[in-house]
Amino acid sequence: MTSAPPATFASRRPPTGIHGHTAGNATSLTTTLEAPPGVPPSRGSVLILTGRDETVASFEGLRLRLALDGYTTTVSEEPGTSVSTLAEARIPGAPFVLLGSDIGGLRALTLAGSPALRPDGVVLLGLPLLQRPLTADGGVRNSEDAAGASGVGGAYAPVYPVPRALPDLPILLVHGVDDQVSPLPLTQMIIRTAPRARLTMVPGQHDVITGPGYRTVAASTLVFLESLQHDPPLG
């Protein structure tokens, strides 16, 4: 296992690249970004679970913004990563949150019930409530294309079931108002039976993390994390 030194920030303006710790191997890679010098560390940790056609770079802006407020983020791109490895992202005594984008949100909801993780909250970006494969631009493939699609970037991952209800946890859902993959009304319906869930609507389609509402995504996530500071962490 190799490690790099913690990220350093010369000013409040974040650098272009992400630097931090890398752990794991070819089948379970995680990258961790810590708070910069001068920021109180260990305010909380966020485990990011990527979706289709997303990489660590997709979350660079969000991670840097959270780091400036003292939150450590760890990214898991590989669905096969063990729960015990993912649990290492937790900082003892501080809030621990799962953040899933696209089918990473379905993965987050599945993992939220694991006794080994016990997250204090969940953030769901563009939660897909319909089994629709994506096009390269975040749209919906037609039926002929969908029939031949495969892999994380194409076919829907059947190992993560679409939820009928949300767990009894603090949950933030961020959804594009013009999402064609999972239309907004579906998300509005599922939160009706989840009193601890809140919904933030942003401009754009399914890819909210890099779409026109990406600043709102970061701001809403930060406000959500701050709200958990008043509750005792589960882990």
Protein backbone atom coordinates (compact mmCIF):
# COMPACT_ATOMS: atom_id res chain seq x y z
CA MET A 1 0.00 0.00 0.00
CA THR A 2 1.31 3.43 -0.87
CA SER A 3 0.34 6.79 0.53
CA ALA A 4 0.84 10.38 -0.46
CA PRO A 5 1.13 13.35 1.90
CA PRO A 6 -2.07 15.13 2.93
CA ALA A 7 -3.42 17.82 0.65
CA THR A 8 -2.09 21.31 1.14
CA PHE A 9 -3.86 24.55 0.30
CA ALA A 10 -1.94 27.77 -0.16
CA SER A 11 -5.06 29.94 0.00
CA ARG A 12 -8.84 29.82 0.15
CA ARG A 13 -8.80 29.25 -3.61
CA PRO A 14 -8.53 25.49 -4.11
CA PRO A 15 -5.88 24.05 -6.43
CA THR A 16 -6.78 22.44 -9.71
CA GLY A 17 -5.83 18.89 -8.78
CA ILE A 18 -6.84 16.70 -5.85
CA HIS A 19 -4.09 15.34 -3.64
CA GLY A 20 -4.46 13.05 -0.67
CA HIS A 21 -4.12 9.47 0.45
CA THR A 22 -4.64 6.53 -1.88
CA ALA A 23 -5.31 3.10 -0.46
CA GLY A 24 -6.39 -0.27 -1.78
CA ASN A 25 -5.63 -2.13 -4.98
CA ALA A 26 -6.92 -2.48 -8.51
CA THR A 27 -10.19 -3.99 -7.34
CA SER A 28 -10.91 -1.69 -4.36
CA LEU A 29 -9.45 1.77 -4.76
CA THR A 30 -10.25 4.63 -2.41
CA THR A 31 -8.82 8.15 -2.41
CA THR A 32 -9.03 10.38 0.63
CA LEU A 33 -8.89 14.18 0.79
CA GLU A 34 -8.34 15.77 4.19
CA ALA A 35 -8.87 19.26 5.58
CA PRO A 36 -6.19 21.83 4.72
CA PRO A 37 -3.84 23.28 7.37
CA GLY A 38 -5.53 25.84 9.59
CA VAL A 39 -8.95 24.20 9.36
CA PRO A 40 -10.13 22.20 12.40
CA PRO A 41 -9.80 18.55 11.35
CA SER A 42 -12.15 15.64 11.91
CA ARG A 43 -15.41 17.59 11.75
CA GLY A 44 -16.85 14.64 9.88
CA SER A 45 -16.23 12.17 7.09
CA VAL A 46 -18.04 11.57 3.81
CA LEU A 47 -17.79 8.32 1.86
CA ILE A 48 -18.56 9.07 -1.81
CA LEU A 49 -19.94 6.26 -3.96
CA THR A 50 -19.67 7.03 -7.65
CA GLY A 51 -22.30 6.37 -10.30
CA ARG A 52 -22.25 5.43 -13.95
CA ASP A 53 -19.59 7.20 -16.03
CA GLU A 54 -18.30 9.02 -12.92
CA THR A 55 -14.76 9.09 -11.56
CA VAL A 56 -12.92 10.70 -8.66
CA ALA A 57 -12.44 13.77 -10.86
CA SER A 58 -16.21 14.22 -11.15
CA PHE A 59 -16.32 15.10 -7.44
CA GLU A 60 -13.24 17.32 -7.28
CA GLY A 61 -15.10 20.59 -6.77
CA LEU A 62 -17.40 19.17 -4.11
CA ARG A 63 -14.56 17.51 -2.22
CA LEU A 64 -12.44 20.65 -2.17
CA ARG A 65 -15.36 22.70 -0.90
CA LEU A 66 -16.03 20.24 1.92
CA ALA A 67 -12.33 20.04 2.79
CA LEU A 68 -12.22 23.79 3.32
CA ASP A 69 -14.81 23.33 6.06
CA GLY A 70 -12.96 20.49 7.74
CA TYR A 71 -14.66 17.44 6.24
CA THR A 72 -12.65 14.44 5.07
CA THR A 73 -13.92 12.75 1.90
CA THR A 74 -13.13 9.28 0.62
CA VAL A 75 -14.16 8.06 -2.84
CA SER A 76 -15.01 4.46 -3.70
CA GLU A 77 -15.34 3.80 -7.42
CA GLU A 78 -15.37 0.01 -7.19
CA PRO A 79 -18.69 -1.64 -6.18
CA GLY A 80 -16.80 -4.74 -5.04
CA THR A 81 -15.01 -2.93 -2.20
CA SER A 82 -15.64 -4.73 1.08
CA VAL A 83 -17.75 -3.14 3.80
CA SER A 84 -14.83 -3.42 6.23
CA THR A 85 -12.65 -1.38 3.86
CA LEU A 86 -15.36 1.24 3.42
CA ALA A 87 -15.78 1.48 7.19
CA GLU A 88 -12.19 2.72 7.46
CA ALA A 89 -13.42 6.04 6.04
CA ARG A 90 -15.22 6.79 9.32
CA ILE A 91 -13.57 9.20 11.75
CA PRO A 92 -14.42 8.11 15.33
CA GLY A 93 -16.56 10.57 17.26
CA ALA A 94 -17.57 12.62 14.21
CA PRO A 95 -20.54 12.42 11.83
CA PHE A 96 -20.17 9.86 9.06
CA VAL A 97 -22.20 10.26 5.85
CA LEU A 98 -22.66 8.16 2.74
CA LEU A 99 -22.94 10.23 -0.44
CA GLY A 100 -24.07 8.36 -3.54
CA SER A 101 -24.52 9.72 -7.04
CA ASP A 102 -26.71 7.99 -9.64
CA ILE A 103 -26.53 4.23 -8.92
CA GLY A 104 -24.04 5.09 -6.21
CA GLY A 105 -27.14 6.37 -4.40
CA LEU A 106 -28.72 2.93 -4.64
CA ARG A 107 -25.49 1.46 -3.33
CA ALA A 108 -25.53 3.97 -0.46
CA LEU A 109 -29.06 2.98 0.50
CA THR A 110 -28.06 -0.69 0.46
CA LEU A 111 -24.99 -0.03 2.62
CA ALA A 112 -26.91 2.21 5.03
CA GLY A 113 -28.38 -0.89 6.63
CA SER A 114 -24.97 -2.45 7.32
CA PRO A 115 -24.12 -2.71 11.04
CA ALA A 116 -20.47 -2.21 10.09
CA LEU A 117 -21.11 1.24 8.60
CA ARG A 118 -24.04 2.75 10.54
CA PRO A 119 -23.98 6.14 8.77
CA ASP A 120 -25.34 9.21 10.53
CA GLY A 121 -26.86 10.44 7.28
CA VAL A 122 -27.12 9.84 3.55
CA VAL A 123 -26.83 12.22 0.58
CA LEU A 124 -28.39 11.05 -2.69
CA LEU A 125 -27.52 12.90 -5.90
CA GLY A 126 -29.78 12.10 -8.84
CA LEU A 127 -31.19 8.95 -7.23
CA PRO A 128 -32.37 6.73 -10.13
CA LEU A 129 -35.84 5.39 -9.38
CA LEU A 130 -36.33 3.94 -12.86
CA GLN A 131 -34.17 1.29 -14.52
CA ARG A 132 -32.96 3.38 -17.44
CA PRO A 133 -29.44 3.19 -18.92
CA LEU A 134 -27.60 6.42 -19.67
CA THR A 135 -26.28 8.03 -22.82
CA ALA A 136 -22.89 9.72 -22.82
CA ASP A 137 -24.47 13.11 -22.11
CA GLY A 138 -26.55 11.90 -19.19
CA GLY A 139 -29.73 11.36 -21.18
CA VAL A 140 -31.71 8.17 -21.69
CA ARG A 141 -30.79 5.48 -24.22
CA ASN A 142 -33.49 4.33 -26.58
CA SER A 143 -34.75 0.76 -26.31
CA GLU A 144 -32.41 -0.64 -29.00
CA ASP A 145 -29.34 0.92 -27.39
CA ALA A 146 -30.46 -0.18 -23.94
CA ALA A 147 -30.76 -3.78 -25.04
CA GLY A 148 -27.09 -3.88 -25.95
CA ALA A 149 -25.74 -1.78 -23.09
CA SER A 150 -23.54 -3.39 -20.47
CA GLY A 151 -21.15 -2.47 -17.65
CA VAL A 152 -21.29 0.25 -15.00
CA GLY A 153 -21.33 2.95 -17.66
CA GLY A 154 -24.18 1.35 -19.57
CA ALA A 155 -26.65 -1.18 -18.23
CA TYR A 156 -28.45 -0.66 -14.99
CA ALA A 157 -26.80 -2.46 -12.10
CA PRO A 158 -29.38 -5.00 -10.86
CA VAL A 159 -27.46 -5.70 -7.64
CA TYR A 160 -28.77 -2.45 -6.16
CA PRO A 161 -32.56 -2.56 -5.88
CA VAL A 162 -34.69 0.52 -6.39
CA PRO A 163 -36.06 1.37 -2.95
CA ARG A 164 -39.76 1.34 -2.17
CA ALA A 165 -39.11 3.54 0.85
CA LEU A 166 -36.21 5.46 2.35
CA PRO A 167 -34.53 4.44 5.63
CA ASP A 168 -35.21 6.25 8.88
CA LEU A 169 -32.11 8.42 8.70
CA PRO A 170 -31.38 12.07 7.95
CA ILE A 171 -31.33 12.09 4.14
CA LEU A 172 -30.64 14.83 1.61
CA LEU A 173 -31.78 14.25 -1.96
CA VAL A 174 -30.53 16.58 -4.69
CA HIS A 175 -32.32 16.20 -8.00
CA GLY A 176 -32.27 17.96 -11.36
CA VAL A 177 -35.59 19.52 -12.34
CA ASP A 178 -35.20 18.26 -15.92
CA ASP A 179 -33.91 14.78 -15.04
CA GLN A 180 -34.98 12.37 -17.80
CA VAL A 181 -33.37 9.30 -16.25
CA SER A 182 -35.42 9.51 -13.06
CA PRO A 183 -38.11 12.20 -13.31
CA LEU A 184 -38.39 14.58 -10.38
CA PRO A 185 -42.01 13.62 -9.47
CA LEU A 186 -40.81 10.14 -8.51
CA THR A 187 -38.39 11.60 -6.01
CA GLN A 188 -41.07 13.91 -4.66
CA MET A 189 -43.29 10.90 -4.10
CA ILE A 190 -40.73 8.76 -2.26
CA ILE A 191 -39.94 11.45 0.33
CA ARG A 192 -43.59 11.71 1.37
CA THR A 193 -43.14 8.74 3.68
CA ALA A 194 -39.68 9.80 4.88
CA PRO A 195 -40.07 12.58 7.46
CA ARG A 196 -36.31 12.90 7.96
CA ALA A 197 -35.61 13.37 4.24
CA ARG A 198 -35.29 16.72 2.52
CA LEU A 199 -35.24 17.48 -1.20
CA THR A 200 -33.20 20.15 -2.97
CA MET A 201 -34.04 20.81 -6.62
CA VAL A 202 -31.33 22.16 -8.92
CA PRO A 203 -31.34 23.26 -12.55
CA GLY A 204 -30.24 20.71 -15.12
CA GLN A 205 -30.73 17.04 -15.83
CA HIS A 206 -29.46 13.83 -14.24
CA ASP A 207 -25.78 14.68 -13.77
CA VAL A 208 -26.21 17.17 -10.93
CA ILE A 209 -22.60 16.91 -9.71
CA THR A 210 -21.21 18.59 -12.85
CA GLY A 211 -24.37 20.26 -14.18
CA PRO A 212 -25.45 23.91 -13.91
CA GLY A 213 -26.55 23.41 -10.29
CA TYR A 214 -23.24 22.06 -9.01
CA ARG A 215 -22.71 25.03 -6.66
CA THR A 216 -26.09 24.35 -5.05
CA VAL A 217 -25.10 20.69 -4.68
CA ALA A 218 -22.01 21.67 -2.69
CA ALA A 219 -23.82 24.27 -0.59
CA SER A 220 -26.75 21.95 0.22
CA THR A 221 -24.40 19.12 1.15
CA LEU A 222 -22.43 21.37 3.46
CA VAL A 223 -25.59 22.65 5.19
CA PHE A 224 -26.74 19.05 5.62
CA LEU A 225 -23.41 18.04 7.17
CA GLU A 226 -23.53 21.00 9.52
CA SER A 227 -27.00 19.96 10.69
CA LEU A 228 -25.58 16.62 11.83
CA GLN A 229 -23.07 18.32 14.12
CA HIS A 230 -25.82 18.74 16.69
CA ASP A 231 -26.60 15.01 16.87
CA PRO A 232 -24.36 12.44 18.59
CA PRO A 233 -22.61 10.25 15.96
CA LEU A 234 -23.72 6.64 15.72
CA GLY A 235 -20.20 5.26 15.39
